[in-house]
Amino acid sequence: MRILMSLLLLVLFCSIQLTSSAPNALEAQSSCCFQFYKKKIPLNLVVSFYQTRSNCPISAIVFRTAAGREFCVDPNSSWVNSHIAKMNIVF
């Protein structure tokens, strides 16, 4: 009986650990970019932007549109830097 109770507690503890760490893993994945969007996004569609974290596989700028879509773009691209400069003036 003690072995069964110990095993049950161990399984319960392990399942709590797995569920408590899952949101962090999902959040880390959604904050990183793995490839760049190739087309130029019109400035009038972009409402905000942010830079990906330093622990992501590639450095990227993420443009968010009014529709809520996010696009990973190359921070070294001239049109991206132009958009950022214009948005910084507006904000």
Protein backbone atom coordinates (compact mmCIF):
# COMPACT_ATOMS: atom_id res chain seq x y z
CA MET A 1 0.00 0.00 0.00
CA ARG A 2 2.85 2.39 0.81
CA ILE A 3 4.51 1.67 -2.51
CA LEU A 4 1.29 2.40 -4.37
CA MET A 5 0.80 5.68 -2.49
CA SER A 6 4.42 6.71 -3.14
CA LEU A 7 4.06 5.90 -6.81
CA LEU A 8 0.83 7.90 -7.01
CA LEU A 9 2.50 10.92 -5.38
CA LEU A 10 5.45 10.65 -7.77
CA VAL A 11 3.17 10.57 -10.82
CA LEU A 12 1.19 13.53 -9.48
CA PHE A 13 4.36 15.53 -8.84
CA CYS A 14 5.72 14.77 -12.33
CA SER A 15 2.47 15.78 -14.02
CA ILE A 16 2.40 19.08 -12.11
CA GLN A 17 5.97 19.80 -13.18
CA LEU A 18 5.16 19.11 -16.84
CA THR A 19 2.08 21.31 -16.91
CA SER A 20 3.72 24.20 -15.08
CA SER A 21 6.65 24.33 -17.50
CA ALA A 22 4.59 24.01 -20.69
CA PRO A 23 3.44 27.65 -20.99
CA ASN A 24 7.01 28.92 -20.76
CA ALA A 25 8.10 26.65 -23.58
CA LEU A 26 5.21 27.75 -25.77
CA GLU A 27 5.88 31.42 -25.04
CA ALA A 28 9.56 31.08 -25.90
CA GLN A 29 8.74 29.45 -29.22
CA SER A 30 6.18 32.06 -30.23
CA SER A 31 8.58 34.93 -29.50
CA CYS A 32 11.26 33.71 -31.91
CA CYS A 33 11.46 33.82 -35.69
CA PHE A 34 12.85 31.00 -37.81
CA GLN A 35 12.67 32.64 -41.23
CA PHE A 36 12.04 36.08 -42.70
CA TYR A 37 8.94 37.21 -44.56
CA LYS A 38 10.22 38.08 -48.04
CA LYS A 39 7.70 40.68 -49.22
CA LYS A 40 7.67 44.35 -48.27
CA ILE A 41 4.84 45.16 -45.87
CA PRO A 42 3.13 48.52 -46.52
CA LEU A 43 3.82 50.96 -43.69
CA ASN A 44 0.16 51.89 -43.32
CA LEU A 45 -0.62 48.29 -42.27
CA VAL A 46 1.97 48.17 -39.48
CA VAL A 47 0.77 49.28 -36.04
CA SER A 48 3.72 48.18 -33.89
CA PHE A 49 7.01 46.32 -33.93
CA TYR A 50 9.45 44.62 -31.59
CA GLN A 51 12.81 42.90 -31.78
CA THR A 52 13.13 39.21 -31.00
CA ARG A 53 15.03 38.15 -27.90
CA SER A 54 18.75 37.52 -27.96
CA ASN A 55 18.35 33.79 -27.28
CA CYS A 56 16.38 33.25 -30.51
CA PRO A 57 18.09 31.45 -33.43
CA ILE A 58 17.98 34.54 -35.68
CA SER A 59 17.78 38.24 -34.91
CA ALA A 60 14.58 39.66 -36.38
CA ILE A 61 12.12 42.51 -36.20
CA VAL A 62 8.47 41.52 -35.86
CA PHE A 63 5.92 43.84 -37.46
CA ARG A 64 2.38 43.57 -36.09
CA THR A 65 -0.51 44.65 -38.32
CA ALA A 66 -3.88 46.12 -37.35
CA ALA A 67 -5.39 42.71 -38.13
CA GLY A 68 -3.17 41.15 -35.43
CA ARG A 69 -0.87 39.28 -37.80
CA GLU A 70 2.85 39.23 -37.07
CA PHE A 71 5.59 39.12 -39.70
CA CYS A 72 9.26 38.38 -39.04
CA VAL A 73 11.42 40.65 -41.16
CA ASP A 74 15.15 41.10 -41.67
CA PRO A 75 16.51 43.92 -39.46
CA ASN A 76 19.29 44.53 -42.03
CA SER A 77 16.82 45.26 -44.83
CA SER A 78 16.66 48.92 -45.88
CA TRP A 79 12.86 49.02 -46.07
CA VAL A 80 12.60 47.59 -42.55
CA ASN A 81 14.91 50.28 -41.16
CA SER A 82 12.96 52.93 -43.05
CA HIS A 83 9.66 51.70 -41.56
CA ILE A 84 11.16 51.68 -38.05
CA ALA A 85 12.52 55.22 -38.43
CA LYS A 86 9.16 56.51 -39.66
CA MET A 87 7.28 54.71 -36.88
CA ASN A 88 9.62 56.11 -34.21
CA ILE A 89 8.82 59.63 -35.43
CA VAL A 90 5.08 58.94 -35.23
CA PHE A 91 5.25 57.30 -31.79
